[in-house]
mmCIF file of all heavy atoms, coordinates in Angstrom:
data_MODEL
# 
_entry.id   MODEL 
# 
loop_
_atom_site.group_PDB 
_atom_site.id 
_atom_site.type_symbol 
_atom_site.label_atom_id 
_atom_site.label_alt_id 
_atom_site.label_comp_id 
_atom_site.label_asym_id 
_atom_site.label_entity_id 
_atom_site.label_seq_id 
_atom_site.pdbx_PDB_ins_code 
_atom_site.Cartn_x 
_atom_site.Cartn_y 
_atom_site.Cartn_z 
_atom_site.occupancy 
_atom_site.B_iso_or_equiv 
_atom_site.pdbx_formal_charge 
_atom_site.auth_seq_id 
_atom_site.auth_comp_id 
_atom_site.auth_asym_id 
_atom_site.auth_atom_id 
_atom_site.pdbx_PDB_model_num 
ATOM 1   N N   . ILE A 1 1  ? 0.938   -1.267  -0.022  1.00 0.00 ? 1  ILE A N   1 
ATOM 2   C CA  . ILE A 1 1  ? 0.015   0.025   0.020   1.00 0.00 ? 1  ILE A CA  1 
ATOM 3   C C   . ILE A 1 1  ? 0.861   1.280   0.022   1.00 0.00 ? 1  ILE A C   1 
ATOM 4   O O   . ILE A 1 1  ? 1.787   1.390   0.903   1.00 0.00 ? 1  ILE A O   1 
ATOM 5   C CB  . ILE A 1 1  ? -0.898  0.059   1.207   1.00 0.00 ? 1  ILE A CB  1 
ATOM 6   C CG1 . ILE A 1 1  ? -1.704  -1.245  1.340   1.00 0.00 ? 1  ILE A CG1 1 
ATOM 7   C CG2 . ILE A 1 1  ? -1.879  1.289   1.077   1.00 0.00 ? 1  ILE A CG2 1 
ATOM 8   C CD1 . ILE A 1 1  ? -2.675  -1.221  2.472   1.00 0.00 ? 1  ILE A CD1 1 
ATOM 9   N N   . ALA A 1 2  ? 0.638   2.121   -0.929  1.00 0.00 ? 2  ALA A N   1 
ATOM 10  C CA  . ALA A 1 2  ? 1.464   3.375   -1.086  1.00 0.00 ? 2  ALA A CA  1 
ATOM 11  C C   . ALA A 1 2  ? 1.012   4.234   0.117   1.00 0.00 ? 2  ALA A C   1 
ATOM 12  O O   . ALA A 1 2  ? -0.012  4.066   0.724   1.00 0.00 ? 2  ALA A O   1 
ATOM 13  C CB  . ALA A 1 2  ? 1.168   4.073   -2.382  1.00 0.00 ? 2  ALA A CB  1 
ATOM 14  N N   . ALA A 1 3  ? 1.847   5.266   0.373   1.00 0.00 ? 3  ALA A N   1 
ATOM 15  C CA  . ALA A 1 3  ? 1.559   6.262   1.443   1.00 0.00 ? 3  ALA A CA  1 
ATOM 16  C C   . ALA A 1 3  ? 0.209   6.882   1.237   1.00 0.00 ? 3  ALA A C   1 
ATOM 17  O O   . ALA A 1 3  ? -0.117  7.333   0.060   1.00 0.00 ? 3  ALA A O   1 
ATOM 18  C CB  . ALA A 1 3  ? 2.674   7.328   1.530   1.00 0.00 ? 3  ALA A CB  1 
ATOM 19  N N   . HIS A 1 4  ? -0.666  6.985   2.269   1.00 0.00 ? 4  HIS A N   1 
ATOM 20  C CA  . HIS A 1 4  ? -1.958  7.615   2.212   1.00 0.00 ? 4  HIS A CA  1 
ATOM 21  C C   . HIS A 1 4  ? -2.758  7.037   1.133   1.00 0.00 ? 4  HIS A C   1 
ATOM 22  O O   . HIS A 1 4  ? -3.609  7.774   0.491   1.00 0.00 ? 4  HIS A O   1 
ATOM 23  C CB  . HIS A 1 4  ? -1.761  9.143   1.998   1.00 0.00 ? 4  HIS A CB  1 
ATOM 24  C CG  . HIS A 1 4  ? -1.063  9.842   3.118   1.00 0.00 ? 4  HIS A CG  1 
ATOM 25  N ND1 . HIS A 1 4  ? -1.292  9.765   4.453   1.00 0.00 ? 4  HIS A ND1 1 
ATOM 26  C CD2 . HIS A 1 4  ? 0.177   10.466  3.088   1.00 0.00 ? 4  HIS A CD2 1 
ATOM 27  C CE1 . HIS A 1 4  ? -0.476  10.431  5.172   1.00 0.00 ? 4  HIS A CE1 1 
ATOM 28  N NE2 . HIS A 1 4  ? 0.499   10.867  4.372   1.00 0.00 ? 4  HIS A NE2 1 
ATOM 29  N N   . ASP A 1 5  ? -2.658  5.796   0.749   1.00 0.00 ? 5  ASP A N   1 
ATOM 30  C CA  . ASP A 1 5  ? -3.438  5.114   -0.274  1.00 0.00 ? 5  ASP A CA  1 
ATOM 31  C C   . ASP A 1 5  ? -4.186  3.990   0.411   1.00 0.00 ? 5  ASP A C   1 
ATOM 32  O O   . ASP A 1 5  ? -4.050  3.729   1.632   1.00 0.00 ? 5  ASP A O   1 
ATOM 33  C CB  . ASP A 1 5  ? -2.517  4.593   -1.286  1.00 0.00 ? 5  ASP A CB  1 
ATOM 34  C CG  . ASP A 1 5  ? -3.212  4.255   -2.658  1.00 0.00 ? 5  ASP A CG  1 
ATOM 35  O OD1 . ASP A 1 5  ? -4.464  4.447   -2.709  1.00 0.00 ? 5  ASP A OD1 1 
ATOM 36  O OD2 . ASP A 1 5  ? -2.541  3.974   -3.652  1.00 0.00 ? 5  ASP A OD2 1 
ATOM 37  N N   . VAL A 1 6  ? -4.975  3.194   -0.329  1.00 0.00 ? 6  VAL A N   1 
ATOM 38  C CA  . VAL A 1 6  ? -5.799  2.072   0.162   1.00 0.00 ? 6  VAL A CA  1 
ATOM 39  C C   . VAL A 1 6  ? -5.556  0.860   -0.626  1.00 0.00 ? 6  VAL A C   1 
ATOM 40  O O   . VAL A 1 6  ? -4.963  0.864   -1.770  1.00 0.00 ? 6  VAL A O   1 
ATOM 41  C CB  . VAL A 1 6  ? -7.255  2.471   0.105   1.00 0.00 ? 6  VAL A CB  1 
ATOM 42  C CG1 . VAL A 1 6  ? -7.638  3.734   0.942   1.00 0.00 ? 6  VAL A CG1 1 
ATOM 43  C CG2 . VAL A 1 6  ? -7.758  2.725   -1.285  1.00 0.00 ? 6  VAL A CG2 1 
ATOM 44  N N   . TRP A 1 7  ? -6.033  -0.226  -0.040  1.00 0.00 ? 7  TRP A N   1 
ATOM 45  C CA  . TRP A 1 7  ? -5.819  -1.678  -0.615  1.00 0.00 ? 7  TRP A CA  1 
ATOM 46  C C   . TRP A 1 7  ? -7.289  -2.222  -0.535  1.00 0.00 ? 7  TRP A C   1 
ATOM 47  O O   . TRP A 1 7  ? -7.809  -2.353  0.529   1.00 0.00 ? 7  TRP A O   1 
ATOM 48  C CB  . TRP A 1 7  ? -4.894  -2.517  0.189   1.00 0.00 ? 7  TRP A CB  1 
ATOM 49  C CG  . TRP A 1 7  ? -4.453  -3.754  -0.581  1.00 0.00 ? 7  TRP A CG  1 
ATOM 50  C CD1 . TRP A 1 7  ? -4.936  -5.007  -0.292  1.00 0.00 ? 7  TRP A CD1 1 
ATOM 51  C CD2 . TRP A 1 7  ? -3.589  -3.875  -1.650  1.00 0.00 ? 7  TRP A CD2 1 
ATOM 52  N NE1 . TRP A 1 7  ? -4.411  -5.910  -1.089  1.00 0.00 ? 7  TRP A NE1 1 
ATOM 53  C CE2 . TRP A 1 7  ? -3.538  -5.246  -2.004  1.00 0.00 ? 7  TRP A CE2 1 
ATOM 54  C CE3 . TRP A 1 7  ? -2.826  -3.021  -2.383  1.00 0.00 ? 7  TRP A CE3 1 
ATOM 55  C CZ2 . TRP A 1 7  ? -2.753  -5.815  -2.982  1.00 0.00 ? 7  TRP A CZ2 1 
ATOM 56  C CZ3 . TRP A 1 7  ? -1.987  -3.557  -3.495  1.00 0.00 ? 7  TRP A CZ3 1 
ATOM 57  C CH2 . TRP A 1 7  ? -1.995  -4.867  -3.650  1.00 0.00 ? 7  TRP A CH2 1 
ATOM 58  N N   . VAL A 1 8  ? -7.821  -2.575  -1.746  1.00 0.00 ? 8  VAL A N   1 
ATOM 59  C CA  . VAL A 1 8  ? -9.200  -3.019  -1.717  1.00 0.00 ? 8  VAL A CA  1 
ATOM 60  C C   . VAL A 1 8  ? -9.154  -4.588  -1.922  1.00 0.00 ? 8  VAL A C   1 
ATOM 61  O O   . VAL A 1 8  ? -8.636  -5.022  -2.926  1.00 0.00 ? 8  VAL A O   1 
ATOM 62  C CB  . VAL A 1 8  ? -10.055 -2.440  -2.924  1.00 0.00 ? 8  VAL A CB  1 
ATOM 63  C CG1 . VAL A 1 8  ? -11.432 -3.066  -2.955  1.00 0.00 ? 8  VAL A CG1 1 
ATOM 64  C CG2 . VAL A 1 8  ? -10.059 -0.869  -2.643  1.00 0.00 ? 8  VAL A CG2 1 
ATOM 65  N N   . VAL A 1 9  ? -9.857  -5.297  -1.030  1.00 0.00 ? 9  VAL A N   1 
ATOM 66  C CA  . VAL A 1 9  ? -10.011 -6.708  -1.113  1.00 0.00 ? 9  VAL A CA  1 
ATOM 67  C C   . VAL A 1 9  ? -11.459 -7.047  -1.338  1.00 0.00 ? 9  VAL A C   1 
ATOM 68  O O   . VAL A 1 9  ? -12.343 -6.507  -0.715  1.00 0.00 ? 9  VAL A O   1 
ATOM 69  C CB  . VAL A 1 9  ? -9.497  -7.441  0.131   1.00 0.00 ? 9  VAL A CB  1 
ATOM 70  C CG1 . VAL A 1 9  ? -9.510  -8.921  0.096   1.00 0.00 ? 9  VAL A CG1 1 
ATOM 71  C CG2 . VAL A 1 9  ? -8.088  -6.978  0.572   1.00 0.00 ? 9  VAL A CG2 1 
ATOM 72  N N   . THR A 1 10 ? -11.771 -7.884  -2.287  1.00 0.00 ? 10 THR A N   1 
ATOM 73  C CA  . THR A 1 10 ? -13.198 -8.301  -2.540  1.00 0.00 ? 10 THR A CA  1 
ATOM 74  C C   . THR A 1 10 ? -13.312 -9.768  -2.510  1.00 0.00 ? 10 THR A C   1 
ATOM 75  O O   . THR A 1 10 ? -12.326 -10.507 -2.539  1.00 0.00 ? 10 THR A O   1 
ATOM 76  C CB  . THR A 1 10 ? -13.614 -7.829  -3.999  1.00 0.00 ? 10 THR A CB  1 
ATOM 77  O OG1 . THR A 1 10 ? -12.938 -8.505  -5.046  1.00 0.00 ? 10 THR A OG1 1 
ATOM 78  C CG2 . THR A 1 10 ? -13.417 -6.272  -4.179  1.00 0.00 ? 10 THR A CG2 1 
ATOM 79  N N   . ASN A 1 11 ? -14.544 -10.090 -2.443  1.00 0.00 ? 11 ASN A N   1 
ATOM 80  C CA  . ASN A 1 11 ? -14.897 -11.641 -2.602  1.00 0.00 ? 11 ASN A CA  1 
ATOM 81  C C   . ASN A 1 11 ? -14.560 -12.049 -3.876  1.00 0.00 ? 11 ASN A C   1 
ATOM 82  O O   . ASN A 1 11 ? -14.526 -11.315 -4.867  1.00 0.00 ? 11 ASN A O   1 
ATOM 83  C CB  . ASN A 1 11 ? -16.354 -11.686 -2.343  1.00 0.00 ? 11 ASN A CB  1 
ATOM 84  C CG  . ASN A 1 11 ? -16.861 -13.228 -2.286  1.00 0.00 ? 11 ASN A CG  1 
ATOM 85  O OD1 . ASN A 1 11 ? -16.957 -13.853 -3.335  1.00 0.00 ? 11 ASN A OD1 1 
ATOM 86  N ND2 . ASN A 1 11 ? -17.258 -13.717 -1.142  1.00 0.00 ? 11 ASN A ND2 1 
ATOM 87  N N   . GLY A 1 12 ? -14.142 -13.412 -4.132  1.00 0.00 ? 12 GLY A N   1 
ATOM 88  C CA  . GLY A 1 12 ? -13.606 -13.896 -5.371  1.00 0.00 ? 12 GLY A CA  1 
ATOM 89  C C   . GLY A 1 12 ? -14.529 -14.789 -6.033  1.00 0.00 ? 12 GLY A C   1 
ATOM 90  O O   . GLY A 1 12 ? -14.205 -15.432 -7.037  1.00 0.00 ? 12 GLY A O   1 
ATOM 91  N N   . GLN A 1 13 ? -15.950 -14.877 -5.672  1.00 0.00 ? 13 GLN A N   1 
ATOM 92  C CA  . GLN A 1 13 ? -16.878 -15.760 -6.274  1.00 0.00 ? 13 GLN A CA  1 
ATOM 93  C C   . GLN A 1 13 ? -17.263 -15.300 -7.608  1.00 0.00 ? 13 GLN A C   1 
ATOM 94  O O   . GLN A 1 13 ? -18.053 -14.287 -7.687  1.00 0.00 ? 13 GLN A O   1 
ATOM 95  C CB  . GLN A 1 13 ? -18.083 -15.920 -5.369  1.00 0.00 ? 13 GLN A CB  1 
ATOM 96  C CG  . GLN A 1 13 ? -19.127 -17.026 -5.739  1.00 0.00 ? 13 GLN A CG  1 
ATOM 97  C CD  . GLN A 1 13 ? -18.529 -18.400 -5.544  1.00 0.00 ? 13 GLN A CD  1 
ATOM 98  O OE1 . GLN A 1 13 ? -17.837 -18.695 -4.494  1.00 0.00 ? 13 GLN A OE1 1 
ATOM 99  N NE2 . GLN A 1 13 ? -18.743 -19.386 -6.379  1.00 0.00 ? 13 GLN A NE2 1 
ATOM 100 N N   . VAL A 1 14 ? -16.748 -15.808 -8.736  1.00 0.00 ? 14 VAL A N   1 
ATOM 101 C CA  . VAL A 1 14 ? -17.007 -15.343 -10.074 1.00 0.00 ? 14 VAL A CA  1 
ATOM 102 C C   . VAL A 1 14 ? -18.279 -15.867 -10.611 1.00 0.00 ? 14 VAL A C   1 
ATOM 103 O O   . VAL A 1 14 ? -18.991 -15.191 -11.254 1.00 0.00 ? 14 VAL A O   1 
ATOM 104 C CB  . VAL A 1 14 ? -15.722 -15.671 -10.958 1.00 0.00 ? 14 VAL A CB  1 
ATOM 105 C CG1 . VAL A 1 14 ? -16.035 -15.339 -12.382 1.00 0.00 ? 14 VAL A CG1 1 
ATOM 106 C CG2 . VAL A 1 14 ? -14.489 -15.096 -10.497 1.00 0.00 ? 14 VAL A CG2 1 
ATOM 107 N N   . THR A 1 15 ? -18.421 -17.155 -10.463 1.00 0.00 ? 15 THR A N   1 
ATOM 108 C CA  . THR A 1 15 ? -19.690 -17.791 -11.048 1.00 0.00 ? 15 THR A CA  1 
ATOM 109 C C   . THR A 1 15 ? -20.703 -18.144 -9.851  1.00 0.00 ? 15 THR A C   1 
ATOM 110 O O   . THR A 1 15 ? -20.297 -18.296 -8.773  1.00 0.00 ? 15 THR A O   1 
ATOM 111 C CB  . THR A 1 15 ? -19.281 -19.189 -11.765 1.00 0.00 ? 15 THR A CB  1 
ATOM 112 O OG1 . THR A 1 15 ? -18.646 -20.016 -10.714 1.00 0.00 ? 15 THR A OG1 1 
ATOM 113 C CG2 . THR A 1 15 ? -18.287 -18.897 -12.874 1.00 0.00 ? 15 THR A CG2 1 
ATOM 114 N N   . PRO A 1 16 ? -21.965 -18.219 -10.253 1.00 0.00 ? 16 PRO A N   1 
ATOM 115 C CA  . PRO A 1 16 ? -23.014 -18.499 -9.187  1.00 0.00 ? 16 PRO A CA  1 
ATOM 116 C C   . PRO A 1 16 ? -22.689 -19.730 -8.472  1.00 0.00 ? 16 PRO A C   1 
ATOM 117 O O   . PRO A 1 16 ? -22.288 -20.797 -9.018  1.00 0.00 ? 16 PRO A O   1 
ATOM 118 C CB  . PRO A 1 16 ? -24.289 -18.580 -9.987  1.00 0.00 ? 16 PRO A CB  1 
ATOM 119 C CG  . PRO A 1 16 ? -23.966 -17.712 -11.228 1.00 0.00 ? 16 PRO A CG  1 
ATOM 120 C CD  . PRO A 1 16 ? -22.547 -17.987 -11.584 1.00 0.00 ? 16 PRO A CD  1 
ATOM 121 N N   . ASP A 1 17 ? -22.856 -19.847 -7.108  1.00 0.00 ? 17 ASP A N   1 
ATOM 122 C CA  . ASP A 1 17 ? -22.719 -20.994 -6.372  1.00 0.00 ? 17 ASP A CA  1 
ATOM 123 C C   . ASP A 1 17 ? -24.098 -21.659 -6.145  1.00 0.00 ? 17 ASP A C   1 
ATOM 124 O O   . ASP A 1 17 ? -25.022 -21.428 -6.922  1.00 0.00 ? 17 ASP A O   1 
ATOM 125 C CB  . ASP A 1 17 ? -22.061 -20.666 -5.014  1.00 0.00 ? 17 ASP A CB  1 
ATOM 126 C CG  . ASP A 1 17 ? -22.879 -19.666 -4.147  1.00 0.00 ? 17 ASP A CG  1 
ATOM 127 O OD1 . ASP A 1 17 ? -24.048 -19.518 -4.489  1.00 0.00 ? 17 ASP A OD1 1 
ATOM 128 O OD2 . ASP A 1 17 ? -22.361 -19.243 -3.157  1.00 0.00 ? 17 ASP A OD2 1 
ATOM 129 N N   . ALA A 1 18 ? -24.116 -22.560 -5.292  1.00 0.00 ? 18 ALA A N   1 
ATOM 130 C CA  . ALA A 1 18 ? -25.345 -23.337 -5.086  1.00 0.00 ? 18 ALA A CA  1 
ATOM 131 C C   . ALA A 1 18 ? -26.520 -22.433 -4.752  1.00 0.00 ? 18 ALA A C   1 
ATOM 132 O O   . ALA A 1 18 ? -27.710 -22.798 -4.920  1.00 0.00 ? 18 ALA A O   1 
ATOM 133 C CB  . ALA A 1 18 ? -25.171 -24.413 -4.011  1.00 0.00 ? 18 ALA A CB  1 
ATOM 134 N N   . ASN A 1 19 ? -26.333 -21.209 -4.246  1.00 0.00 ? 19 ASN A N   1 
ATOM 135 C CA  . ASN A 1 19 ? -27.362 -20.286 -3.894  1.00 0.00 ? 19 ASN A CA  1 
ATOM 136 C C   . ASN A 1 19 ? -27.467 -19.203 -4.972  1.00 0.00 ? 19 ASN A C   1 
ATOM 137 O O   . ASN A 1 19 ? -28.183 -18.177 -4.770  1.00 0.00 ? 19 ASN A O   1 
ATOM 138 C CB  . ASN A 1 19 ? -27.068 -19.633 -2.559  1.00 0.00 ? 19 ASN A CB  1 
ATOM 139 C CG  . ASN A 1 19 ? -27.006 -20.555 -1.367  1.00 0.00 ? 19 ASN A CG  1 
ATOM 140 O OD1 . ASN A 1 19 ? -27.897 -21.459 -1.303  1.00 0.00 ? 19 ASN A OD1 1 
ATOM 141 N ND2 . ASN A 1 19 ? -25.999 -20.461 -0.561  1.00 0.00 ? 19 ASN A ND2 1 
ATOM 142 N N   . SER A 1 20 ? -26.926 -19.472 -6.049  1.00 0.00 ? 20 SER A N   1 
ATOM 143 C CA  . SER A 1 20 ? -26.972 -18.563 -7.289  1.00 0.00 ? 20 SER A CA  1 
ATOM 144 C C   . SER A 1 20 ? -26.407 -17.206 -6.943  1.00 0.00 ? 20 SER A C   1 
ATOM 145 O O   . SER A 1 20 ? -26.849 -16.117 -7.357  1.00 0.00 ? 20 SER A O   1 
ATOM 146 C CB  . SER A 1 20 ? -28.535 -18.363 -7.769  1.00 0.00 ? 20 SER A CB  1 
ATOM 147 O OG  . SER A 1 20 ? -28.982 -19.540 -8.251  1.00 0.00 ? 20 SER A OG  1 
ATOM 148 N N   . ALA A 1 21 ? -25.432 -17.252 -6.087  1.00 0.00 ? 21 ALA A N   1 
ATOM 149 C CA  . ALA A 1 21 ? -24.810 -15.978 -5.640  1.00 0.00 ? 21 ALA A CA  1 
ATOM 150 C C   . ALA A 1 21 ? -23.422 -15.869 -6.156  1.00 0.00 ? 21 ALA A C   1 
ATOM 151 O O   . ALA A 1 21 ? -22.683 -16.856 -6.296  1.00 0.00 ? 21 ALA A O   1 
ATOM 152 C CB  . ALA A 1 21 ? -24.818 -15.970 -4.069  1.00 0.00 ? 21 ALA A CB  1 
ATOM 153 N N   . PHE A 1 22 ? -23.033 -14.565 -6.392  1.00 0.00 ? 22 PHE A N   1 
ATOM 154 C CA  . PHE A 1 22 ? -21.584 -14.371 -6.864  1.00 0.00 ? 22 PHE A CA  1 
ATOM 155 C C   . PHE A 1 22 ? -21.306 -12.908 -6.643  1.00 0.00 ? 22 PHE A C   1 
ATOM 156 O O   . PHE A 1 22 ? -22.140 -12.078 -6.224  1.00 0.00 ? 22 PHE A O   1 
ATOM 157 C CB  . PHE A 1 22 ? -21.516 -14.614 -8.392  1.00 0.00 ? 22 PHE A CB  1 
ATOM 158 C CG  . PHE A 1 22 ? -22.458 -13.796 -9.288  1.00 0.00 ? 22 PHE A CG  1 
ATOM 159 C CD1 . PHE A 1 22 ? -22.038 -12.650 -9.769  1.00 0.00 ? 22 PHE A CD1 1 
ATOM 160 C CD2 . PHE A 1 22 ? -23.763 -14.150 -9.418  1.00 0.00 ? 22 PHE A CD2 1 
ATOM 161 C CE1 . PHE A 1 22 ? -22.885 -11.839 -10.594 1.00 0.00 ? 22 PHE A CE1 1 
ATOM 162 C CE2 . PHE A 1 22 ? -24.651 -13.421 -10.293 1.00 0.00 ? 22 PHE A CE2 1 
ATOM 163 C CZ  . PHE A 1 22 ? -24.198 -12.271 -10.707 1.00 0.00 ? 22 PHE A CZ  1 
ATOM 164 N N   . CYS A 1 23 ? -20.049 -12.536 -6.771  1.00 0.00 ? 23 CYS A N   1 
ATOM 165 C CA  . CYS A 1 23 ? -19.649 -11.146 -6.565  1.00 0.00 ? 23 CYS A CA  1 
ATOM 166 C C   . CYS A 1 23 ? -19.760 -10.378 -7.884  1.00 0.00 ? 23 CYS A C   1 
ATOM 167 O O   . CYS A 1 23 ? -19.328 -10.839 -8.954  1.00 0.00 ? 23 CYS A O   1 
ATOM 168 C CB  . CYS A 1 23 ? -18.125 -11.115 -6.082  1.00 0.00 ? 23 CYS A CB  1 
ATOM 169 S SG  . CYS A 1 23 ? -17.540 -9.420  -5.766  1.00 0.00 ? 23 CYS A SG  1 
ATOM 170 N N   . ASP A 1 24 ? -20.343 -9.179  -7.759  1.00 0.00 ? 24 ASP A N   1 
ATOM 171 C CA  . ASP A 1 24 ? -20.579 -8.358  -8.892  1.00 0.00 ? 24 ASP A CA  1 
ATOM 172 C C   . ASP A 1 24 ? -19.277 -8.020  -9.686  1.00 0.00 ? 24 ASP A C   1 
ATOM 173 O O   . ASP A 1 24 ? -18.282 -7.623  -8.965  1.00 0.00 ? 24 ASP A O   1 
ATOM 174 C CB  . ASP A 1 24 ? -21.181 -7.043  -8.474  1.00 0.00 ? 24 ASP A CB  1 
ATOM 175 C CG  . ASP A 1 24 ? -21.762 -6.171  -9.645  1.00 0.00 ? 24 ASP A CG  1 
ATOM 176 O OD1 . ASP A 1 24 ? -21.032 -6.018  -10.539 1.00 0.00 ? 24 ASP A OD1 1 
ATOM 177 O OD2 . ASP A 1 24 ? -22.941 -5.826  -9.579  1.00 0.00 ? 24 ASP A OD2 1 
ATOM 178 N N   . PRO A 1 25 ? -19.138 -8.365  -10.923 1.00 0.00 ? 25 PRO A N   1 
ATOM 179 C CA  . PRO A 1 25 ? -17.924 -8.044  -11.681 1.00 0.00 ? 25 PRO A CA  1 
ATOM 180 C C   . PRO A 1 25 ? -17.465 -6.671  -11.554 1.00 0.00 ? 25 PRO A C   1 
ATOM 181 O O   . PRO A 1 25 ? -16.279 -6.396  -11.610 1.00 0.00 ? 25 PRO A O   1 
ATOM 182 C CB  . PRO A 1 25 ? -18.230 -8.444  -13.074 1.00 0.00 ? 25 PRO A CB  1 
ATOM 183 C CG  . PRO A 1 25 ? -19.412 -9.414  -12.938 1.00 0.00 ? 25 PRO A CG  1 
ATOM 184 C CD  . PRO A 1 25 ? -20.199 -8.991  -11.813 1.00 0.00 ? 25 PRO A CD  1 
ATOM 185 N N   . ILE A 1 26 ? -18.365 -5.741  -11.370 1.00 0.00 ? 26 ILE A N   1 
ATOM 186 C CA  . ILE A 1 26 ? -17.932 -4.316  -11.300 1.00 0.00 ? 26 ILE A CA  1 
ATOM 187 C C   . ILE A 1 26 ? -17.195 -4.134  -10.044 1.00 0.00 ? 26 ILE A C   1 
ATOM 188 O O   . ILE A 1 26 ? -16.125 -3.300  -9.950  1.00 0.00 ? 26 ILE A O   1 
ATOM 189 C CB  . ILE A 1 26 ? -19.196 -3.356  -11.388 1.00 0.00 ? 26 ILE A CB  1 
ATOM 190 C CG1 . ILE A 1 26 ? -19.825 -3.391  -12.728 1.00 0.00 ? 26 ILE A CG1 1 
ATOM 191 C CG2 . ILE A 1 26 ? -18.846 -1.936  -11.096 1.00 0.00 ? 26 ILE A CG2 1 
ATOM 192 C CD1 . ILE A 1 26 ? -21.085 -2.637  -12.889 1.00 0.00 ? 26 ILE A CD1 1 
# 
């Protein structure tokens, strides 16, 4: 992480799972 910057971590579920859930590609 650069000075005064941020690091964004997201969920990695690309395709729908058993509950038809996934992380929005945006």
